[in-house]
């Protein structure tokens, strides 16, 4: 997609052209970037680790967040 050289802000702008929602495990992204003025939503997964086994239990809540996500909003899924 040609995004390898982009920093966070320009990367989010490029993503917004093709995607509606960004799913990430980067807990600091919402604090580092202004999401409220971007045309995409961000879902932050918070788990014990980033291993698949720890992330899989969050899938039902992730699916619900994806269905209801609104541009400019940040959703955090933990537990």
C-alpha atoms as a PDB file:
ATOM      1  CA  UNK A   1       0.000   0.000   0.000  1.00  0.00           C
ATOM      2  CA  UNK A   2       3.040   2.239   0.126  1.00  0.00           C
ATOM      3  CA  UNK A   3       2.646   3.220   3.769  1.00  0.00           C
ATOM      4  CA  UNK A   4       5.987   2.009   5.138  1.00  0.00           C
ATOM      5  CA  UNK A   5       7.556   5.470   5.177  1.00  0.00           C
ATOM      6  CA  UNK A   6       4.618   7.305   6.767  1.00  0.00           C
ATOM      7  CA  UNK A   7       4.630   8.568  10.357  1.00  0.00           C
ATOM      8  CA  UNK A   8       1.560   8.107  12.561  1.00  0.00           C
ATOM      9  CA  UNK A   9      -0.445  11.191  11.546  1.00  0.00           C
ATOM     10  CA  UNK A  10      -0.013  10.831   7.776  1.00  0.00           C
ATOM     11  CA  UNK A  11      -0.477   7.078   8.154  1.00  0.00           C
ATOM     12  CA  UNK A  12      -3.858   7.581   9.828  1.00  0.00           C
ATOM     13  CA  UNK A  13      -4.858   9.963   7.043  1.00  0.00           C
ATOM     14  CA  UNK A  14      -3.879   7.418   4.385  1.00  0.00           C
ATOM     15  CA  UNK A  15      -5.759   4.669   6.223  1.00  0.00           C
ATOM     16  CA  UNK A  16      -8.884   6.800   6.457  1.00  0.00           C
ATOM     17  CA  UNK A  17      -9.053   6.889   2.662  1.00  0.00           C
ATOM     18  CA  UNK A  18      -9.477   3.099   2.511  1.00  0.00           C
ATOM     19  CA  UNK A  19     -10.756   1.949   5.908  1.00  0.00           C
ATOM     20  CA  UNK A  20     -13.481   2.938   8.363  1.00  0.00           C
ATOM     21  CA  UNK A  21     -11.916   1.489  11.530  1.00  0.00           C
ATOM     22  CA  UNK A  22      -8.379   0.898  12.791  1.00  0.00           C
ATOM     23  CA  UNK A  23      -7.964  -1.966  15.266  1.00  0.00           C
ATOM     24  CA  UNK A  24      -4.744  -1.685  17.261  1.00  0.00           C
ATOM     25  CA  UNK A  25      -3.044  -2.850  20.438  1.00  0.00           C
ATOM     26  CA  UNK A  26      -1.139   0.457  20.667  1.00  0.00           C
ATOM     27  CA  UNK A  27      -2.553   1.872  23.900  1.00  0.00           C
ATOM     28  CA  UNK A  28      -0.790   5.195  23.443  1.00  0.00           C
ATOM     29  CA  UNK A  29      -2.062   5.954  19.922  1.00  0.00           C
ATOM     30  CA  UNK A  30      -5.205   7.825  21.070  1.00  0.00           C
ATOM     31  CA  UNK A  31      -3.062  10.029  23.331  1.00  0.00           C
ATOM     32  CA  UNK A  32      -0.475  10.697  20.636  1.00  0.00           C
ATOM     33  CA  UNK A  33      -2.851  11.380  17.742  1.00  0.00           C
ATOM     34  CA  UNK A  34      -6.043  13.403  17.447  1.00  0.00           C
ATOM     35  CA  UNK A  35      -8.692  10.917  16.466  1.00  0.00           C
ATOM     36  CA  UNK A  36     -11.770  13.090  16.971  1.00  0.00           C
ATOM     37  CA  UNK A  37     -11.171  15.040  13.764  1.00  0.00           C
ATOM     38  CA  UNK A  38     -10.405  12.014  11.573  1.00  0.00           C
ATOM     39  CA  UNK A  39     -12.905  10.164   9.379  1.00  0.00           C
ATOM     40  CA  UNK A  40     -12.195   6.789  10.956  1.00  0.00           C
ATOM     41  CA  UNK A  41     -12.762   5.123  14.303  1.00  0.00           C
ATOM     42  CA  UNK A  42     -10.059   3.477  16.409  1.00  0.00           C
ATOM     43  CA  UNK A  43     -10.530   0.334  18.494  1.00  0.00           C
ATOM     44  CA  UNK A  44      -7.788  -0.352  21.045  1.00  0.00           C
ATOM     45  CA  UNK A  45      -7.517  -3.925  22.292  1.00  0.00           C
ATOM     46  CA  UNK A  46      -6.070  -4.206  25.787  1.00  0.00           C
ATOM     47  CA  UNK A  47      -5.026  -7.692  26.805  1.00  0.00           C
ATOM     48  CA  UNK A  48      -2.480  -9.238  29.129  1.00  0.00           C
ATOM     49  CA  UNK A  49      -0.188  -9.708  26.104  1.00  0.00           C
ATOM     50  CA  UNK A  50      -0.513  -9.265  22.350  1.00  0.00           C
ATOM     51  CA  UNK A  51      -0.538 -13.017  21.825  1.00  0.00           C
ATOM     52  CA  UNK A  52      -3.484 -14.402  19.920  1.00  0.00           C
ATOM     53  CA  UNK A  53      -4.604 -16.515  22.878  1.00  0.00           C
ATOM     54  CA  UNK A  54      -4.979 -13.365  24.997  1.00  0.00           C
ATOM     55  CA  UNK A  55      -6.682 -11.362  22.230  1.00  0.00           C
ATOM     56  CA  UNK A  56      -9.241 -13.969  21.114  1.00  0.00           C
ATOM     57  CA  UNK A  57     -11.517 -13.545  24.153  1.00  0.00           C
ATOM     58  CA  UNK A  58     -12.057  -9.921  23.049  1.00  0.00           C
ATOM     59  CA  UNK A  59     -13.438 -10.869  19.617  1.00  0.00           C
ATOM     60  CA  UNK A  60     -17.163 -10.717  20.544  1.00  0.00           C
ATOM     61  CA  UNK A  61     -16.769  -7.203  21.964  1.00  0.00           C
ATOM     62  CA  UNK A  62     -14.561  -6.246  19.020  1.00  0.00           C
ATOM     63  CA  UNK A  63     -17.259  -7.331  16.574  1.00  0.00           C
ATOM     64  CA  UNK A  64     -19.833  -5.242  18.425  1.00  0.00           C
ATOM     65  CA  UNK A  65     -17.499  -2.237  18.395  1.00  0.00           C
ATOM     66  CA  UNK A  66     -16.907  -2.648  14.657  1.00  0.00           C
ATOM     67  CA  UNK A  67     -20.637  -2.726  13.964  1.00  0.00           C
ATOM     68  CA  UNK A  68     -21.270   0.446  15.973  1.00  0.00           C
ATOM     69  CA  UNK A  69     -18.053   2.388  15.351  1.00  0.00           C
ATOM     70  CA  UNK A  70     -18.404   6.064  14.497  1.00  0.00           C
ATOM     71  CA  UNK A  71     -15.762   8.217  12.823  1.00  0.00           C
ATOM     72  CA  UNK A  72     -13.618  10.180  15.237  1.00  0.00           C
ATOM     73  CA  UNK A  73     -14.338   7.891  18.184  1.00  0.00           C
ATOM     74  CA  UNK A  74     -11.947   5.706  20.182  1.00  0.00           C
ATOM     75  CA  UNK A  75     -13.192   2.452  21.679  1.00  0.00           C
ATOM     76  CA  UNK A  76     -11.159   0.528  24.252  1.00  0.00           C
ATOM     77  CA  UNK A  77     -11.782  -3.152  24.798  1.00  0.00           C
ATOM     78  CA  UNK A  78     -10.204  -4.725  27.854  1.00  0.00           C
ATOM     79  CA  UNK A  79     -10.945  -7.214  30.520  1.00  0.00           C
END
